Amino acid sequence: MGKAADRDAHSYELPRTWHPRNMDQPASAPTGGTTVTRTAGVVLTTLFGIPFLLLAWQILDSRFNPASTDYHGYALIFGTVFAIPLALATSLVVPLIFSRGRRRVAYRVSAFVFVVVAVGLLAAWFTAA
């Protein structure tokens, strides 16, 4: 029967290079998951961020320019309604750009900036004459 019969049928021994106790191997490069996450973060930030910036510009343009440019204030009203969800989406995906160790801080800063921006957009809407 030999050595194969002596081993438990459910145990499998990994080759030496794959064994987790083999610490003489050099540290590996970042895994593909972190690169994919960071790339997806860049793509999603661009996807949500550019429309948000365009809407925010329209909101501020409507708020601070004469009424002849946006007589009824539709850019201000609908821009704010659409910009706040885009700002939320942007604030959720921007931290994905950062490394795993810095994401927690990035989420905190991003949440704070979202609250400030949302309050500012709502203030621009509700204080318009």
N, C-alpha and C. Protein backbone atom coordinates (compact mmCIF):
# COMPACT_ATOMS: atom_id res chain seq x y z
N MET A 1 0.81 -1.18 0.00
CA MET A 1 0.00 0.00 0.00
C MET A 1 0.86 1.25 0.00
N GLY A 2 1.89 1.35 0.74
CA GLY A 2 2.85 2.44 0.67
C GLY A 2 2.41 3.70 1.39
N LYS A 3 3.06 4.79 1.02
CA LYS A 3 2.81 6.09 1.68
C LYS A 3 1.42 6.62 1.38
N ALA A 4 0.91 6.38 0.19
CA ALA A 4 -0.40 6.91 -0.17
C ALA A 4 -1.49 6.34 0.72
N ALA A 5 -1.38 5.09 1.09
CA ALA A 5 -2.40 4.48 1.94
C ALA A 5 -2.28 4.97 3.37
N ASP A 6 -1.07 5.37 3.80
CA ASP A 6 -0.88 5.85 5.16
C ASP A 6 -1.52 7.23 5.38
N ARG A 7 -1.57 8.03 4.33
CA ARG A 7 -2.18 9.36 4.46
C ARG A 7 -3.69 9.28 4.54
N ASP A 8 -4.28 10.23 5.21
CA ASP A 8 -5.73 10.32 5.29
C ASP A 8 -6.27 10.63 3.89
N ALA A 9 -7.39 10.06 3.54
CA ALA A 9 -7.95 10.23 2.21
C ALA A 9 -8.39 11.67 1.95
N HIS A 10 -8.67 12.43 3.02
CA HIS A 10 -9.16 13.80 2.85
C HIS A 10 -8.07 14.85 2.96
N SER A 11 -6.87 14.48 3.26
CA SER A 11 -5.82 15.48 3.41
C SER A 11 -5.03 15.59 2.11
N TYR A 12 -4.61 16.79 1.84
CA TYR A 12 -3.81 17.04 0.66
C TYR A 12 -2.70 18.00 1.06
N GLU A 13 -1.50 17.67 0.71
CA GLU A 13 -0.37 18.51 1.08
C GLU A 13 0.00 19.37 -0.12
N LEU A 14 0.04 20.67 0.10
CA LEU A 14 0.41 21.59 -0.97
C LEU A 14 1.90 21.52 -1.24
N PRO A 15 2.32 21.79 -2.46
CA PRO A 15 3.75 21.86 -2.71
C PRO A 15 4.40 22.94 -1.85
N ARG A 16 5.69 22.82 -1.61
CA ARG A 16 6.41 23.71 -0.69
C ARG A 16 6.26 25.18 -1.08
N THR A 17 6.27 25.51 -2.35
CA THR A 17 6.20 26.92 -2.76
C THR A 17 4.83 27.53 -2.51
N TRP A 18 3.80 26.72 -2.39
CA TRP A 18 2.47 27.24 -2.16
C TRP A 18 2.08 27.25 -0.69
N HIS A 19 2.88 26.67 0.13
CA HIS A 19 2.51 26.51 1.54
C HIS A 19 2.55 27.86 2.26
N PRO A 20 1.52 28.17 3.08
CA PRO A 20 1.50 29.47 3.77
C PRO A 20 2.64 29.65 4.77
N ARG A 21 3.22 28.56 5.25
CA ARG A 21 4.32 28.69 6.20
C ARG A 21 5.65 28.97 5.52
N ASN A 22 5.65 28.99 4.23
CA ASN A 22 6.88 29.24 3.48
C ASN A 22 7.11 30.75 3.43
N MET A 23 7.84 31.29 4.40
CA MET A 23 8.02 32.73 4.51
C MET A 23 9.26 33.25 3.79
N ASP A 24 10.01 32.39 3.15
CA ASP A 24 11.21 32.88 2.47
C ASP A 24 10.89 33.38 1.06
N GLN A 25 9.61 33.37 0.68
CA GLN A 25 9.21 33.90 -0.61
C GLN A 25 9.13 35.43 -0.53
N PRO A 26 9.48 36.14 -1.59
CA PRO A 26 9.36 37.61 -1.57
C PRO A 26 7.89 38.02 -1.52
N ALA A 27 7.64 39.20 -1.02
CA ALA A 27 6.27 39.71 -0.94
C ALA A 27 5.71 39.86 -2.34
N SER A 28 4.46 39.51 -2.49
CA SER A 28 3.86 39.57 -3.81
C SER A 28 3.39 40.99 -4.11
N ALA A 29 3.19 41.25 -5.36
CA ALA A 29 2.68 42.55 -5.82
C ALA A 29 1.21 42.66 -5.41
N PRO A 30 0.65 43.85 -5.49
CA PRO A 30 -0.78 43.98 -5.16
C PRO A 30 -1.61 43.02 -6.01
N THR A 31 -2.63 42.49 -5.41
CA THR A 31 -3.47 41.53 -6.12
C THR A 31 -4.25 42.24 -7.22
N GLY A 32 -4.75 41.45 -8.14
CA GLY A 32 -5.52 42.01 -9.23
C GLY A 32 -6.80 42.67 -8.76
N GLY A 33 -7.33 42.22 -7.62
CA GLY A 33 -8.56 42.81 -7.09
C GLY A 33 -8.40 44.26 -6.71
N THR A 34 -7.25 44.63 -6.15
CA THR A 34 -7.07 46.03 -5.78
C THR A 34 -6.92 46.89 -7.02
N THR A 35 -6.26 46.40 -8.04
CA THR A 35 -6.12 47.17 -9.27
C THR A 35 -7.48 47.33 -9.94
N VAL A 36 -8.27 46.27 -9.95
CA VAL A 36 -9.59 46.34 -10.56
C VAL A 36 -10.48 47.30 -9.78
N THR A 37 -10.41 47.26 -8.45
CA THR A 37 -11.22 48.14 -7.62
C THR A 37 -10.84 49.60 -7.84
N ARG A 38 -9.56 49.86 -7.89
CA ARG A 38 -9.12 51.24 -8.09
C ARG A 38 -9.46 51.74 -9.49
N THR A 39 -9.35 50.88 -10.49
CA THR A 39 -9.72 51.27 -11.85
C THR A 39 -11.22 51.51 -11.95
N ALA A 40 -12.00 50.64 -11.33
CA ALA A 40 -13.45 50.84 -11.31
C ALA A 40 -13.80 52.13 -10.57
N GLY A 41 -13.05 52.45 -9.53
CA GLY A 41 -13.26 53.71 -8.81
C GLY A 41 -13.03 54.91 -9.70
N VAL A 42 -11.99 54.86 -10.51
CA VAL A 42 -11.71 55.98 -11.42
C VAL A 42 -12.82 56.10 -12.46
N VAL A 43 -13.23 54.98 -13.03
CA VAL A 43 -14.27 55.00 -14.07
C VAL A 43 -15.59 55.51 -13.49
N LEU A 44 -15.98 54.99 -12.33
CA LEU A 44 -17.26 55.40 -11.73
C LEU A 44 -17.21 56.85 -11.24
N THR A 45 -16.07 57.28 -10.72
CA THR A 45 -15.95 58.67 -10.30
C THR A 45 -16.12 59.59 -11.50
N THR A 46 -15.54 59.23 -12.62
CA THR A 46 -15.71 60.02 -13.83
C THR A 46 -17.15 59.98 -14.32
N LEU A 47 -17.75 58.79 -14.26
CA LEU A 47 -19.12 58.62 -14.73
C LEU A 47 -20.12 59.44 -13.91
N PHE A 48 -19.93 59.49 -12.60
CA PHE A 48 -20.85 60.25 -11.74
C PHE A 48 -20.38 61.68 -11.52
N GLY A 49 -19.09 61.90 -11.53
CA GLY A 49 -18.55 63.21 -11.18
C GLY A 49 -18.74 64.27 -12.24
N ILE A 50 -18.57 63.91 -13.50
CA ILE A 50 -18.71 64.91 -14.56
C ILE A 50 -20.14 65.44 -14.66
N PRO A 51 -21.18 64.58 -14.70
CA PRO A 51 -22.54 65.14 -14.70
C PRO A 51 -22.84 65.95 -13.44
N PHE A 52 -22.31 65.51 -12.29
CA PHE A 52 -22.52 66.29 -11.07
C PHE A 52 -21.91 67.67 -11.20
N LEU A 53 -20.69 67.76 -11.69
CA LEU A 53 -20.04 69.07 -11.84
C LEU A 53 -20.78 69.96 -12.83
N LEU A 54 -21.27 69.38 -13.92
CA LEU A 54 -22.03 70.17 -14.88
C LEU A 54 -23.34 70.68 -14.27
N LEU A 55 -24.02 69.83 -13.51
CA LEU A 55 -25.25 70.27 -12.86
C LEU A 55 -24.98 71.31 -11.79
N ALA A 56 -23.93 71.12 -11.02
CA ALA A 56 -23.59 72.10 -9.98
C ALA A 56 -23.25 73.45 -10.61
N TRP A 57 -22.58 73.42 -11.75
CA TRP A 57 -22.27 74.66 -12.44
C TRP A 57 -23.56 75.34 -12.91
N GLN A 58 -24.50 74.56 -13.45
CA GLN A 58 -25.77 75.12 -13.88
C GLN A 58 -26.56 75.70 -12.70
N ILE A 59 -26.51 75.01 -11.58
CA ILE A 59 -27.22 75.49 -10.39
C ILE A 59 -26.65 76.83 -9.93
N LEU A 60 -25.34 76.88 -9.81
CA LEU A 60 -24.72 78.13 -9.36
C LEU A 60 -24.87 79.24 -10.40
N ASP A 61 -24.85 78.90 -11.67
CA ASP A 61 -25.07 79.88 -12.73
C ASP A 61 -26.49 80.43 -12.66
N SER A 62 -27.44 79.54 -12.45
CA SER A 62 -28.83 79.97 -12.33
C SER A 62 -29.06 80.81 -11.08
N ARG A 63 -28.37 80.47 -10.02
CA ARG A 63 -28.56 81.18 -8.75
C ARG A 63 -27.97 82.57 -8.76
N PHE A 64 -26.79 82.74 -9.33
CA PHE A 64 -26.08 84.01 -9.19
C PHE A 64 -26.09 84.88 -10.44
N ASN A 65 -26.68 84.44 -11.54
CA ASN A 65 -26.84 85.27 -12.72
C ASN A 65 -28.22 85.90 -12.73
N PRO A 66 -28.42 86.90 -13.57
CA PRO A 66 -29.74 87.52 -13.63
C PRO A 66 -30.83 86.52 -14.02
N ALA A 67 -32.06 86.82 -13.67
CA ALA A 67 -33.18 85.91 -13.92
C ALA A 67 -33.45 85.73 -15.40
N SER A 68 -32.92 86.56 -16.25
CA SER A 68 -33.17 86.44 -17.68
C SER A 68 -32.54 85.18 -18.27
N THR A 69 -31.52 84.62 -17.61
CA THR A 69 -30.89 83.40 -18.13
C THR A 69 -31.68 82.14 -17.75
N ASP A 70 -32.35 82.14 -16.61
CA ASP A 70 -33.18 81.00 -16.19
C ASP A 70 -34.43 81.58 -15.54
N TYR A 71 -35.36 82.01 -16.41
CA TYR A 71 -36.51 82.79 -15.95
C TYR A 71 -37.33 82.07 -14.89
N HIS A 72 -37.65 80.81 -15.08
CA HIS A 72 -38.49 80.08 -14.14
C HIS A 72 -37.70 79.37 -13.05
N GLY A 73 -36.40 79.27 -13.20
CA GLY A 73 -35.57 78.61 -12.19
C GLY A 73 -35.54 77.10 -12.32
N TYR A 74 -35.87 76.60 -13.51
CA TYR A 74 -35.89 75.14 -13.69
C TYR A 74 -34.51 74.52 -13.55
N ALA A 75 -33.50 75.22 -14.03
CA ALA A 75 -32.14 74.69 -13.89
C ALA A 75 -31.77 74.58 -12.41
N LEU A 76 -32.19 75.54 -11.63
CA LEU A 76 -31.92 75.52 -10.20
C LEU A 76 -32.68 74.39 -9.50
N ILE A 77 -33.94 74.25 -9.82
CA ILE A 77 -34.77 73.25 -9.15
C ILE A 77 -34.38 71.83 -9.58
N PHE A 78 -34.46 71.55 -10.87
CA PHE A 78 -34.19 70.19 -11.34
C PHE A 78 -32.70 69.86 -11.25
N GLY A 79 -31.86 70.87 -11.39
CA GLY A 79 -30.43 70.63 -11.22
C GLY A 79 -30.11 70.16 -9.82
N THR A 80 -30.73 70.78 -8.82
CA THR A 80 -30.50 70.37 -7.44
C THR A 80 -31.05 68.96 -7.19
N VAL A 81 -32.23 68.69 -7.72
CA VAL A 81 -32.85 67.38 -7.52
C VAL A 81 -31.98 66.27 -8.11
N PHE A 82 -31.37 66.52 -9.26
CA PHE A 82 -30.52 65.50 -9.89
C PHE A 82 -29.08 65.53 -9.39
N ALA A 83 -28.61 66.68 -8.94
CA ALA A 83 -27.21 66.80 -8.52
C ALA A 83 -26.95 66.12 -7.18
N ILE A 84 -27.90 66.16 -6.26
CA ILE A 84 -27.66 65.59 -4.94
C ILE A 84 -27.47 64.06 -5.01
N PRO A 85 -28.30 63.31 -5.74
CA PRO A 85 -28.00 61.87 -5.86
C PRO A 85 -26.67 61.59 -6.57
N LEU A 86 -26.34 62.42 -7.57
CA LEU A 86 -25.05 62.24 -8.24
C LEU A 86 -23.90 62.56 -7.29
N ALA A 87 -24.10 63.56 -6.42
CA ALA A 87 -23.06 63.87 -5.44
C ALA A 87 -22.90 62.72 -4.45
N LEU A 88 -24.01 62.11 -4.05
CA LEU A 88 -23.94 60.96 -3.15
C LEU A 88 -23.21 59.79 -3.82
N ALA A 89 -23.56 59.50 -5.07
CA ALA A 89 -22.89 58.41 -5.79
C ALA A 89 -21.40 58.71 -5.94
N THR A 90 -21.07 59.95 -6.25
CA THR A 90 -19.65 60.33 -6.39
C THR A 90 -18.93 60.17 -5.06
N SER A 91 -19.58 60.58 -3.98
CA SER A 91 -18.92 60.48 -2.67
C SER A 91 -18.73 59.02 -2.24
N LEU A 92 -19.53 58.11 -2.76
CA LEU A 92 -19.37 56.70 -2.42
C LEU A 92 -18.30 56.00 -3.25
N VAL A 93 -18.03 56.51 -4.46
CA VAL A 93 -17.05 55.83 -5.31
C VAL A 93 -15.68 56.49 -5.31
N VAL A 94 -15.58 57.75 -4.92
CA VAL A 94 -14.27 58.40 -4.88
C VAL A 94 -13.28 57.66 -3.97
N PRO A 95 -13.67 57.19 -2.79
CA PRO A 95 -12.70 56.49 -1.94
C PRO A 95 -12.16 55.19 -2.52
N LEU A 96 -12.82 54.63 -3.51
CA LEU A 96 -12.32 53.41 -4.13
C LEU A 96 -11.00 53.65 -4.87
N ILE A 97 -10.71 54.89 -5.18
CA ILE A 97 -9.47 55.22 -5.88
C ILE A 97 -8.27 55.02 -4.96
N PHE A 98 -8.46 55.19 -3.68
CA PHE A 98 -7.37 55.13 -2.72
C PHE A 98 -7.05 53.69 -2.35
N SER A 99 -5.87 53.50 -1.77
CA SER A 99 -5.47 52.17 -1.34
C SER A 99 -6.36 51.72 -0.19
N ARG A 100 -6.37 50.41 0.06
CA ARG A 100 -7.25 49.84 1.07
C ARG A 100 -7.04 50.46 2.45
N GLY A 101 -5.81 50.74 2.79
CA GLY A 101 -5.51 51.30 4.10
C GLY A 101 -6.00 52.72 4.29
N ARG A 102 -6.17 53.44 3.21
CA ARG A 102 -6.59 54.85 3.31
C ARG A 102 -8.07 55.06 2.99
N ARG A 103 -8.76 54.00 2.65
CA ARG A 103 -10.16 54.16 2.27
C ARG A 103 -11.06 54.61 3.40
N ARG A 104 -10.79 54.16 4.61
CA ARG A 104 -11.63 54.55 5.74
C ARG A 104 -11.60 56.07 5.93
N VAL A 105 -10.41 56.64 5.87
CA VAL A 105 -10.28 58.10 6.00
C VAL A 105 -10.91 58.78 4.78
N ALA A 106 -10.72 58.20 3.61
CA ALA A 106 -11.29 58.78 2.40
C ALA A 106 -12.82 58.77 2.46
N TYR A 107 -13.42 57.72 2.99
CA TYR A 107 -14.88 57.69 3.14
C TYR A 107 -15.35 58.77 4.11
N ARG A 108 -14.62 58.98 5.19
CA ARG A 108 -15.02 60.01 6.15
C ARG A 108 -14.95 61.40 5.53
N VAL A 109 -13.86 61.68 4.85
CA VAL A 109 -13.71 62.99 4.20
C VAL A 109 -14.75 63.15 3.11
N SER A 110 -14.98 62.11 2.34
CA SER A 110 -15.96 62.15 1.26
C SER A 110 -17.38 62.38 1.80
N ALA A 111 -17.71 61.75 2.91
CA ALA A 111 -19.04 61.95 3.51
C ALA A 111 -19.19 63.38 4.01
N PHE A 112 -18.14 63.92 4.61
CA PHE A 112 -18.20 65.31 5.09
C PHE A 112 -18.37 66.27 3.92
N VAL A 113 -17.60 66.06 2.86
CA VAL A 113 -17.71 66.93 1.68
C VAL A 113 -19.09 66.81 1.05
N PHE A 114 -19.66 65.60 1.01
CA PHE A 114 -21.01 65.43 0.47
C PHE A 114 -22.03 66.24 1.26
N VAL A 115 -21.94 66.18 2.59
CA VAL A 115 -22.90 66.92 3.42
C VAL A 115 -22.76 68.42 3.15
N VAL A 116 -21.54 68.92 3.08
CA VAL A 116 -21.31 70.35 2.84
C VAL A 116 -21.86 70.75 1.46
N VAL A 117 -21.59 69.94 0.44
CA VAL A 117 -22.06 70.24 -0.91
C VAL A 117 -23.58 70.18 -0.97
N ALA A 118 -24.19 69.17 -0.37
CA ALA A 118 -25.65 69.04 -0.40
C ALA A 118 -26.31 70.22 0.31
N VAL A 119 -25.77 70.60 1.44
CA VAL A 119 -26.33 71.76 2.16
C VAL A 119 -26.16 73.03 1.33
N GLY A 120 -25.01 73.17 0.68
CA GLY A 120 -24.78 74.34 -0.17
C GLY A 120 -25.72 74.39 -1.35
N LEU A 121 -25.95 73.26 -2.00
CA LEU A 121 -26.89 73.24 -3.13
C LEU A 121 -28.32 73.52 -2.69
N LEU A 122 -28.71 72.96 -1.58
CA LEU A 122 -30.06 73.23 -1.07
C LEU A 122 -30.19 74.68 -0.63
N ALA A 123 -29.15 75.23 -0.04
CA ALA A 123 -29.19 76.65 0.34
C ALA A 123 -29.27 77.54 -0.89
N ALA A 124 -28.57 77.19 -1.95
CA ALA A 124 -28.66 77.97 -3.19
C ALA A 124 -30.07 77.91 -3.75
N TRP A 125 -30.70 76.76 -3.66
CA TRP A 125 -32.07 76.61 -4.17
C TRP A 125 -33.07 77.40 -3.33
N PHE A 126 -33.01 77.23 -2.02
CA PHE A 126 -34.04 77.83 -1.17
C PHE A 126 -33.83 79.31 -0.88
N THR A 127 -32.66 79.83 -1.14
CA THR A 127 -32.45 81.27 -0.92
C THR A 127 -32.58 82.07 -2.19
N ALA A 128 -32.89 81.41 -3.30
CA ALA A 128 -33.05 82.14 -4.56
C ALA A 128 -34.35 82.95 -4.51
N ALA A 129 -34.27 84.12 -5.06
CA ALA A 129 -35.45 85.01 -5.04
C ALA A 129 -36.32 84.80 -6.24
